[in-house]
Protein backbone atom coordinates (compact mmCIF):
# COMPACT_ATOMS: atom_id res chain seq x y z
CA MET A 1 81.28 84.26 104.18
CA ASN A 2 77.53 85.48 104.52
CA LEU A 3 76.96 89.27 106.49
CA GLU A 4 73.97 90.54 107.82
CA PRO A 5 72.94 93.30 104.98
CA ASN A 6 74.47 96.28 106.63
CA THR A 7 77.44 94.72 107.86
CA ASP A 8 77.65 93.19 104.10
CA ILE A 9 77.33 96.79 103.04
CA ASN A 10 79.88 98.59 105.14
CA PHE A 11 82.26 95.93 104.50
CA TYR A 12 82.74 96.82 100.72
CA GLN A 13 81.69 100.73 101.61
CA ASN A 14 85.07 100.28 103.93
CA LEU A 15 86.97 98.07 101.19
CA GLY A 16 86.11 101.45 98.91
CA LYS A 17 87.58 103.79 101.38
CA LEU A 18 90.69 101.70 102.03
CA PHE A 19 91.83 101.29 98.61
CA TYR A 20 90.73 105.41 98.21
CA ALA A 21 93.26 105.90 101.16
CA ILE A 22 96.07 104.08 99.15
CA ALA A 23 95.54 105.68 96.11
CA ALA A 24 95.05 109.38 97.88
CA VAL A 25 97.77 109.56 100.37
CA ASP A 26 100.15 110.98 98.22
CA LYS A 27 97.20 113.74 97.55
CA THR A 28 96.21 112.79 94.17
CA VAL A 29 94.15 110.22 92.98
CA LYS A 30 95.47 109.35 89.35
CA ASP A 31 92.86 107.30 86.72
CA LYS A 32 95.59 104.50 86.38
CA GLU A 33 95.08 104.08 90.27
CA PHE A 34 91.11 103.82 89.69
CA SER A 35 91.16 101.41 86.38
CA THR A 36 94.14 99.13 88.46
CA LEU A 37 91.44 98.62 91.26
CA GLU A 38 88.72 97.83 88.85
CA THR A 39 90.70 95.52 87.07
CA ILE A 40 91.83 93.45 90.29
CA ILE A 41 88.43 93.38 91.96
CA ARG A 42 86.74 92.47 88.71
CA ASN A 43 89.38 89.89 87.66
CA ASP A 44 91.27 88.36 90.72
CA TRP A 45 88.21 88.96 93.72
CA PHE A 46 85.81 86.96 91.60
CA LEU A 47 88.37 84.25 90.61
CA GLU A 48 89.37 83.42 94.37
CA LYS A 49 86.71 81.19 94.69
CA ASN A 50 86.35 80.98 98.77
CA ILE A 51 87.71 84.14 99.78
CA LEU A 52 84.64 85.82 99.68
CA LYS A 53 81.58 84.04 99.02
CA ASN A 54 78.52 85.41 97.04
CA PHE A 55 80.91 88.26 95.53
CA ASN A 56 78.82 89.55 92.82
CA GLN A 57 78.04 92.59 90.68
CA LYS A 58 76.15 94.56 93.41
CA LYS A 59 79.55 94.10 95.87
CA VAL A 60 82.23 94.90 92.86
CA ASP A 61 80.04 98.35 92.69
CA THR A 62 79.75 99.20 95.83
CA ILE A 63 83.68 99.20 96.46
CA LEU A 64 84.10 101.28 93.06
CA ASN A 65 80.89 103.67 93.46
CA THR A 66 82.28 104.20 97.05
CA PHE A 67 86.08 105.15 96.00
CA LYS A 68 84.85 107.22 93.09
CA TRP A 69 82.61 108.92 95.57
CA LEU A 70 85.16 109.76 97.49
CA GLN A 71 87.34 111.03 94.36
CA ASN A 72 84.80 113.42 93.36
CA ASP A 73 83.96 114.83 96.70
CA ASN A 74 87.30 115.30 97.82
CA GLU A 75 86.07 115.98 100.98
CA TYR A 76 87.72 112.99 103.11
CA SER A 77 91.72 112.61 103.61
CA ALA A 78 93.28 109.59 103.10
CA GLU A 79 93.88 109.45 106.64
CA ALA A 80 90.40 109.71 107.30
CA CYS A 81 89.35 106.79 105.09
CA TYR A 82 92.13 104.58 106.32
CA ASN A 83 91.16 105.14 109.89
CA SER A 84 87.54 104.39 109.00
CA PHE A 85 88.45 100.85 107.58
CA ILE A 86 91.29 100.19 110.37
CA ASN A 87 87.81 100.85 112.75
CA PHE A 88 85.43 98.41 110.79
CA ASN A 89 88.24 96.25 110.96
CA LYS A 90 88.90 95.98 114.81
CA THR A 91 84.83 95.59 115.24
CA HIS A 92 84.14 93.00 112.56
CA LYS A 93 87.77 91.04 113.03
CA SER A 94 85.65 87.71 112.17
CA LEU A 95 84.71 89.11 108.91
CA PHE A 96 88.73 89.11 108.38
CA ASN A 97 90.68 86.00 107.72
CA LYS A 98 93.88 85.13 106.49
CA ASP A 99 93.01 85.18 102.73
CA ILE A 100 90.65 87.83 102.77
CA ASN A 101 93.47 90.08 104.29
CA SER A 102 95.77 88.83 101.81
CA GLN A 103 93.61 89.49 99.04
CA ILE A 104 93.21 93.37 100.16
CA LEU A 105 97.26 93.58 100.67
CA LYS A 106 97.59 92.48 97.04
CA THR A 107 95.36 94.85 95.65
CA ALA A 108 96.37 98.04 97.63
CA ASN A 109 99.97 97.40 96.77
CA HIS A 110 98.81 96.93 92.61
CA ILE A 111 96.87 99.88 93.32
CA ALA A 112 100.15 101.84 94.77
CA ALA A 113 102.29 100.67 92.10
CA SER A 114 99.87 101.67 89.37
CA PHE A 115 101.47 105.12 88.36
CA SER A 116 104.97 105.68 88.69
CA LYS A 117 105.70 102.91 91.47
CA LYS A 118 105.33 103.48 95.16
CA ASN A 119 106.05 106.57 96.86
CA LYS A 120 106.94 107.01 100.32
CA SER A 121 103.56 108.21 101.45
CA GLU A 122 102.16 105.09 99.69
CA LEU A 123 105.11 102.78 101.37
CA ILE A 124 103.96 104.27 104.70
CA ILE A 125 100.55 103.52 104.58
CA LEU A 126 100.98 99.77 102.79
CA ALA A 127 103.58 99.08 105.69
CA LYS A 128 100.68 100.22 108.39
CA LEU A 129 98.05 98.06 106.59
CA ASN A 130 100.28 95.20 106.67
CA LEU A 131 101.30 95.36 110.27
CA GLU A 132 97.38 95.91 111.10
CA LEU A 133 96.04 92.75 108.81
CA ASN A 134 98.79 90.83 109.82
CA LYS A 135 98.32 91.64 114.03
CA GLN A 136 94.99 90.34 113.47
CA ASN A 137 96.32 86.82 111.58
CA ASP A 138 98.65 86.60 114.27
CA LYS A 139 95.82 86.01 116.60
CA THR A 140 93.86 83.85 114.80
């Protein structure tokens, strides 16, 4: 997947927003949730050869820095970040194929389960995300 420069940055920033939303939906972000995200992004996303072509350190940093900025800023709610991701997804449907959506869902589930398993608010946001991404897969 080769994106235009601004779309490329926005894509990875919106992934950071989504993963922050998953971690923050229960009103607290644990260090373990960030470290789980970092491990998955650095290990699993690089190993998935054809999912994100040209996935590199700058893109990893964009995802992680967006997450950290949102965590440190503490101004944006999980709901606002989730909605931002969904709006980006709807506007740029061609960027989200079945493999990318699967990797996003896998990462989101790992973040939610990283600290004391999944709680009710995490289960709800994961179900909503699953429905959104699979609704798109059904149309492709």
